[in-house]
């Protein structure tokens, strides 16, 4: 991948992580259902995974 493609994918993974965090973490507080810790934990893990993957893709071009 070239640098622009890596930047684009990294940016979109960050956006995906933010949407997932909003839906899985903060959405629970807006819901009338009881708070579910496993869903909260999954949201946090997914958010961190998206950001780390985006970072690794972005920095993957430095090896060339």
PDB file of N, CA and C in Angstrom:
ATOM      1  N   UNK A   1       0.839  -1.175   0.000  1.00  0.00           N
ATOM      2  CA  UNK A   1       0.000   0.000   0.000  1.00  0.00           C
ATOM      3  C   UNK A   1       0.888   1.243   0.000  1.00  0.00           C
ATOM      4  N   UNK A   2       0.406   2.264  -0.662  1.00  0.00           N
ATOM      5  CA  UNK A   2       1.164   3.502  -0.615  1.00  0.00           C
ATOM      6  C   UNK A   2       0.766   4.305   0.631  1.00  0.00           C
ATOM      7  N   UNK A   3       1.439   5.415   0.843  1.00  0.00           N
ATOM      8  CA  UNK A   3       1.241   6.200   2.062  1.00  0.00           C
ATOM      9  C   UNK A   3      -0.184   6.742   2.182  1.00  0.00           C
ATOM     10  N   UNK A   4      -0.755   7.191   1.083  1.00  0.00           N
ATOM     11  CA  UNK A   4      -2.118   7.728   1.126  1.00  0.00           C
ATOM     12  C   UNK A   4      -3.137   6.656   1.488  1.00  0.00           C
ATOM     13  N   UNK A   5      -2.958   5.457   0.968  1.00  0.00           N
ATOM     14  CA  UNK A   5      -3.862   4.360   1.307  1.00  0.00           C
ATOM     15  C   UNK A   5      -3.749   3.996   2.778  1.00  0.00           C
ATOM     16  N   UNK A   6      -2.527   3.961   3.303  1.00  0.00           N
ATOM     17  CA  UNK A   6      -2.334   3.653   4.722  1.00  0.00           C
ATOM     18  C   UNK A   6      -2.977   4.715   5.594  1.00  0.00           C
ATOM     19  N   UNK A   7      -2.832   5.995   5.229  1.00  0.00           N
ATOM     20  CA  UNK A   7      -3.448   7.074   5.998  1.00  0.00           C
ATOM     21  C   UNK A   7      -4.969   6.957   5.971  1.00  0.00           C
ATOM     22  N   UNK A   8      -5.528   6.650   4.806  1.00  0.00           N
ATOM     23  CA  UNK A   8      -6.972   6.532   4.660  1.00  0.00           C
ATOM     24  C   UNK A   8      -7.519   5.396   5.521  1.00  0.00           C
ATOM     25  N   UNK A   9      -6.904   4.230   5.442  1.00  0.00           N
ATOM     26  CA  UNK A   9      -7.373   3.073   6.209  1.00  0.00           C
ATOM     27  C   UNK A   9      -7.207   3.324   7.706  1.00  0.00           C
ATOM     28  N   UNK A  10      -6.104   3.919   8.096  1.00  0.00           N
ATOM     29  CA  UNK A  10      -5.875   4.224   9.501  1.00  0.00           C
ATOM     30  C   UNK A  10      -6.938   5.184  10.025  1.00  0.00           C
ATOM     31  N   UNK A  11      -7.263   6.195   9.242  1.00  0.00           N
ATOM     32  CA  UNK A  11      -8.287   7.160   9.639  1.00  0.00           C
ATOM     33  C   UNK A  11      -9.647   6.497   9.776  1.00  0.00           C
ATOM     34  N   UNK A  12      -9.990   5.639   8.833  1.00  0.00           N
ATOM     35  CA  UNK A  12     -11.298   4.980   8.864  1.00  0.00           C
ATOM     36  C   UNK A  12     -11.400   3.977  10.013  1.00  0.00           C
ATOM     37  N   UNK A  13     -10.307   3.322  10.366  1.00  0.00           N
ATOM     38  CA  UNK A  13     -10.329   2.421  11.521  1.00  0.00           C
ATOM     39  C   UNK A  13     -10.535   3.204  12.812  1.00  0.00           C
ATOM     40  N   UNK A  14      -9.937   4.383  12.901  1.00  0.00           N
ATOM     41  CA  UNK A  14     -10.169   5.241  14.062  1.00  0.00           C
ATOM     42  C   UNK A  14     -11.626   5.664  14.159  1.00  0.00           C
ATOM     43  N   UNK A  15     -12.210   5.999  13.024  1.00  0.00           N
ATOM     44  CA  UNK A  15     -13.626   6.367  12.998  1.00  0.00           C
ATOM     45  C   UNK A  15     -14.504   5.187  13.397  1.00  0.00           C
ATOM     46  N   UNK A  16     -14.196   4.005  12.884  1.00  0.00           N
ATOM     47  CA  UNK A  16     -14.946   2.805  13.247  1.00  0.00           C
ATOM     48  C   UNK A  16     -14.855   2.545  14.750  1.00  0.00           C
ATOM     49  N   UNK A  17     -13.678   2.715  15.316  1.00  0.00           N
ATOM     50  CA  UNK A  17     -13.504   2.531  16.753  1.00  0.00           C
ATOM     51  C   UNK A  17     -14.342   3.512  17.555  1.00  0.00           C
ATOM     52  N   UNK A  18     -14.410   4.764  17.104  1.00  0.00           N
ATOM     53  CA  UNK A  18     -15.225   5.756  17.804  1.00  0.00           C
ATOM     54  C   UNK A  18     -16.708   5.433  17.722  1.00  0.00           C
ATOM     55  N   UNK A  19     -17.163   4.983  16.569  1.00  0.00           N
ATOM     56  CA  UNK A  19     -18.572   4.615  16.423  1.00  0.00           C
ATOM     57  C   UNK A  19     -18.899   3.420  17.311  1.00  0.00           C
ATOM     58  N   UNK A  20     -18.013   2.438  17.333  1.00  0.00           N
ATOM     59  CA  UNK A  20     -18.235   1.257  18.172  1.00  0.00           C
ATOM     60  C   UNK A  20     -18.267   1.640  19.651  1.00  0.00           C
ATOM     61  N   UNK A  21     -17.363   2.515  20.057  1.00  0.00           N
ATOM     62  CA  UNK A  21     -17.350   2.953  21.455  1.00  0.00           C
ATOM     63  C   UNK A  21     -18.641   3.683  21.788  1.00  0.00           C
ATOM     64  N   UNK A  22     -19.090   4.525  20.890  1.00  0.00           N
ATOM     65  CA  UNK A  22     -20.334   5.247  21.136  1.00  0.00           C
ATOM     66  C   UNK A  22     -21.519   4.321  21.243  1.00  0.00           C
ATOM     67  N   UNK A  23     -21.576   3.331  20.376  1.00  0.00           N
ATOM     68  CA  UNK A  23     -22.722   2.422  20.377  1.00  0.00           C
ATOM     69  C   UNK A  23     -22.677   1.439  21.536  1.00  0.00           C
ATOM     70  N   UNK A  24     -21.533   0.832  21.768  1.00  0.00           N
ATOM     71  CA  UNK A  24     -21.448  -0.249  22.754  1.00  0.00           C
ATOM     72  C   UNK A  24     -21.229   0.244  24.183  1.00  0.00           C
ATOM     73  N   UNK A  25     -20.596   1.385  24.332  1.00  0.00           N
ATOM     74  CA  UNK A  25     -20.298   1.872  25.682  1.00  0.00           C
ATOM     75  C   UNK A  25     -21.328   2.920  26.107  1.00  0.00           C
ATOM     76  N   UNK A  26     -21.356   4.035  25.383  1.00  0.00           N
ATOM     77  CA  UNK A  26     -22.214   5.141  25.791  1.00  0.00           C
ATOM     78  C   UNK A  26     -23.687   4.878  25.498  1.00  0.00           C
ATOM     79  N   UNK A  27     -23.965   4.042  24.525  1.00  0.00           N
ATOM     80  CA  UNK A  27     -25.343   3.696  24.220  1.00  0.00           C
ATOM     81  C   UNK A  27     -26.042   2.976  25.355  1.00  0.00           C
ATOM     82  N   UNK A  28     -25.296   2.284  26.174  1.00  0.00           N
ATOM     83  CA  UNK A  28     -25.885   1.572  27.316  1.00  0.00           C
ATOM     84  C   UNK A  28     -26.469   2.543  28.336  1.00  0.00           C
ATOM     85  N   UNK A  29     -25.859   3.707  28.463  1.00  0.00           N
ATOM     86  CA  UNK A  29     -26.347   4.679  29.432  1.00  0.00           C
ATOM     87  C   UNK A  29     -27.633   5.358  28.953  1.00  0.00           C
ATOM     88  N   UNK A  30     -27.861   5.342  27.656  1.00  0.00           N
ATOM     89  CA  UNK A  30     -29.077   5.930  27.100  1.00  0.00           C
ATOM     90  C   UNK A  30     -30.223   4.931  27.050  1.00  0.00           C
ATOM     91  N   UNK A  31     -29.900   3.676  27.195  1.00  0.00           N
ATOM     92  CA  UNK A  31     -30.896   2.614  27.118  1.00  0.00           C
ATOM     93  C   UNK A  31     -31.600   2.443  28.462  1.00  0.00           C
ATOM     94  N   UNK A  32     -32.790   1.895  28.413  1.00  0.00           N
ATOM     95  CA  UNK A  32     -33.528   1.613  29.641  1.00  0.00           C
ATOM     96  C   UNK A  32     -33.125   0.275  30.243  1.00  0.00           C
ATOM     97  N   UNK A  33     -32.364  -0.532  29.492  1.00  0.00           N
ATOM     98  CA  UNK A  33     -31.935  -1.832  30.003  1.00  0.00           C
ATOM     99  C   UNK A  33     -30.808  -1.652  31.021  1.00  0.00           C
ATOM    100  N   UNK A  34     -30.565  -2.705  31.763  1.00  0.00           N
ATOM    101  CA  UNK A  34     -29.509  -2.677  32.766  1.00  0.00           C
ATOM    102  C   UNK A  34     -28.138  -2.646  32.091  1.00  0.00           C
ATOM    103  N   UNK A  35     -27.179  -2.044  32.786  1.00  0.00           N
ATOM    104  CA  UNK A  35     -25.801  -1.970  32.292  1.00  0.00           C
ATOM    105  C   UNK A  35     -25.216  -3.375  32.227  1.00  0.00           C
ATOM    106  N   UNK A  36     -24.584  -3.697  31.087  1.00  0.00           N
ATOM    107  CA  UNK A  36     -23.968  -5.016  30.916  1.00  0.00           C
ATOM    108  C   UNK A  36     -22.461  -4.831  30.757  1.00  0.00           C
ATOM    109  N   UNK A  37     -21.733  -5.305  31.765  1.00  0.00           N
ATOM    110  CA  UNK A  37     -20.289  -5.138  31.769  1.00  0.00           C
ATOM    111  C   UNK A  37     -19.600  -5.854  30.609  1.00  0.00           C
ATOM    112  N   UNK A  38     -19.996  -7.087  30.209  1.00  0.00           N
ATOM    113  CA  UNK A  38     -19.331  -7.733  29.068  1.00  0.00           C
ATOM    114  C   UNK A  38     -19.452  -6.923  27.774  1.00  0.00           C
ATOM    115  N   UNK A  39     -20.584  -6.300  27.564  1.00  0.00           N
ATOM    116  CA  UNK A  39     -20.770  -5.459  26.380  1.00  0.00           C
ATOM    117  C   UNK A  39     -19.886  -4.223  26.460  1.00  0.00           C
ATOM    118  N   UNK A  40     -19.791  -3.637  27.640  1.00  0.00           N
ATOM    119  CA  UNK A  40     -18.895  -2.503  27.869  1.00  0.00           C
ATOM    120  C   UNK A  40     -17.449  -2.898  27.588  1.00  0.00           C
ATOM    121  N   UNK A  41     -17.035  -4.031  28.113  1.00  0.00           N
ATOM    122  CA  UNK A  41     -15.668  -4.500  27.927  1.00  0.00           C
ATOM    123  C   UNK A  41     -15.372  -4.785  26.459  1.00  0.00           C
ATOM    124  N   UNK A  42     -16.325  -5.394  25.749  1.00  0.00           N
ATOM    125  CA  UNK A  42     -16.156  -5.649  24.325  1.00  0.00           C
ATOM    126  C   UNK A  42     -15.996  -4.334  23.563  1.00  0.00           C
ATOM    127  N   UNK A  43     -16.768  -3.321  23.919  1.00  0.00           N
ATOM    128  CA  UNK A  43     -16.654  -2.017  23.268  1.00  0.00           C
ATOM    129  C   UNK A  43     -15.289  -1.396  23.464  1.00  0.00           C
ATOM    130  N   UNK A  44     -14.766  -1.471  24.668  1.00  0.00           N
ATOM    131  CA  UNK A  44     -13.439  -0.921  24.958  1.00  0.00           C
ATOM    132  C   UNK A  44     -12.358  -1.683  24.196  1.00  0.00           C
ATOM    133  N   UNK A  45     -12.443  -3.004  24.209  1.00  0.00           N
ATOM    134  CA  UNK A  45     -11.449  -3.829  23.513  1.00  0.00           C
ATOM    135  C   UNK A  45     -11.502  -3.576  22.009  1.00  0.00           C
ATOM    136  N   UNK A  46     -12.706  -3.471  21.448  1.00  0.00           N
ATOM    137  CA  UNK A  46     -12.846  -3.219  20.018  1.00  0.00           C
ATOM    138  C   UNK A  46     -12.293  -1.846  19.650  1.00  0.00           C
ATOM    139  N   UNK A  47     -12.555  -0.850  20.493  1.00  0.00           N
ATOM    140  CA  UNK A  47     -12.057   0.508  20.272  1.00  0.00           C
ATOM    141  C   UNK A  47     -10.522   0.524  20.270  1.00  0.00           C
ATOM    142  N   UNK A  48      -9.922  -0.101  21.248  1.00  0.00           N
ATOM    143  CA  UNK A  48      -8.462  -0.151  21.337  1.00  0.00           C
ATOM    144  C   UNK A  48      -7.882  -0.932  20.159  1.00  0.00           C
ATOM    145  N   UNK A  49      -8.521  -2.031  19.783  1.00  0.00           N
ATOM    146  CA  UNK A  49      -8.058  -2.837  18.655  1.00  0.00           C
ATOM    147  C   UNK A  49      -8.073  -2.040  17.357  1.00  0.00           C
ATOM    148  N   UNK A  50      -9.133  -1.285  17.131  1.00  0.00           N
ATOM    149  CA  UNK A  50      -9.208  -0.462  15.917  1.00  0.00           C
ATOM    150  C   UNK A  50      -8.085   0.568  15.880  1.00  0.00           C
ATOM    151  N   UNK A  51      -7.855   1.240  17.000  1.00  0.00           N
ATOM    152  CA  UNK A  51      -6.807   2.248  17.036  1.00  0.00           C
ATOM    153  C   UNK A  51      -5.418   1.635  16.871  1.00  0.00           C
ATOM    154  N   UNK A  52      -5.155   0.521  17.525  1.00  0.00           N
ATOM    155  CA  UNK A  52      -3.845  -0.117  17.398  1.00  0.00           C
ATOM    156  C   UNK A  52      -3.607  -0.640  15.979  1.00  0.00           C
ATOM    157  N   UNK A  53      -4.631  -1.233  15.387  1.00  0.00           N
ATOM    158  CA  UNK A  53      -4.501  -1.730  14.022  1.00  0.00           C
ATOM    159  C   UNK A  53      -4.256  -0.581  13.057  1.00  0.00           C
ATOM    160  N   UNK A  54      -4.985   0.504  13.222  1.00  0.00           N
ATOM    161  CA  UNK A  54      -4.772   1.684  12.381  1.00  0.00           C
ATOM    162  C   UNK A  54      -3.373   2.242  12.532  1.00  0.00           C
ATOM    163  N   UNK A  55      -2.885   2.286  13.762  1.00  0.00           N
ATOM    164  CA  UNK A  55      -1.532   2.782  14.007  1.00  0.00           C
ATOM    165  C   UNK A  55      -0.493   1.879  13.355  1.00  0.00           C
ATOM    166  N   UNK A  56      -0.665   0.578  13.489  1.00  0.00           N
ATOM    167  CA  UNK A  56       0.298  -0.353  12.897  1.00  0.00           C
ATOM    168  C   UNK A  56       0.282  -0.285  11.372  1.00  0.00           C
ATOM    169  N   UNK A  57      -0.889  -0.113  10.793  1.00  0.00           N
ATOM    170  CA  UNK A  57      -0.965   0.036   9.331  1.00  0.00           C
ATOM    171  C   UNK A  57      -0.287   1.321   8.900  1.00  0.00           C
ATOM    172  N   UNK A  58      -0.526   2.397   9.643  1.00  0.00           N
ATOM    173  CA  UNK A  58       0.063   3.678   9.295  1.00  0.00           C
ATOM    174  C   UNK A  58       1.588   3.637   9.400  1.00  0.00           C
ATOM    175  N   UNK A  59       2.108   3.002  10.419  1.00  0.00           N
ATOM    176  CA  UNK A  59       3.556   2.939  10.628  1.00  0.00           C
ATOM    177  C   UNK A  59       4.200   1.803   9.850  1.00  0.00           C
ATOM    178  N   UNK A  60       3.431   0.953   9.187  1.00  0.00           N
ATOM    179  CA  UNK A  60       3.966  -0.177   8.451  1.00  0.00           C
ATOM    180  C   UNK A  60       4.775   0.231   7.241  1.00  0.00           C
ATOM    181  N   UNK A  61       4.585   1.433   6.746  1.00  0.00           N
ATOM    182  CA  UNK A  61       5.313   1.896   5.572  1.00  0.00           C
ATOM    183  C   UNK A  61       6.704   2.402   5.869  1.00  0.00           C
ATOM    184  N   UNK A  62       7.056   2.528   7.136  1.00  0.00           N
ATOM    185  CA  UNK A  62       8.378   3.030   7.492  1.00  0.00           C
ATOM    186  C   UNK A  62       9.483   2.042   7.216  1.00  0.00           C
ATOM    187  N   UNK A  63       9.128   0.784   6.981  1.00  0.00           N
ATOM    188  CA  UNK A  63      10.127  -0.255   6.772  1.00  0.00           C
ATOM    189  C   UNK A  63      10.686  -0.251   5.357  1.00  0.00           C
ATOM    190  N   UNK A  64      10.031   0.458   4.460  1.00  0.00           N
ATOM    191  CA  UNK A  64      10.443   0.448   3.046  1.00  0.00           C
ATOM    192  C   UNK A  64      11.708   1.228   2.829  1.00  0.00           C
TER     193      UNK A  64
END
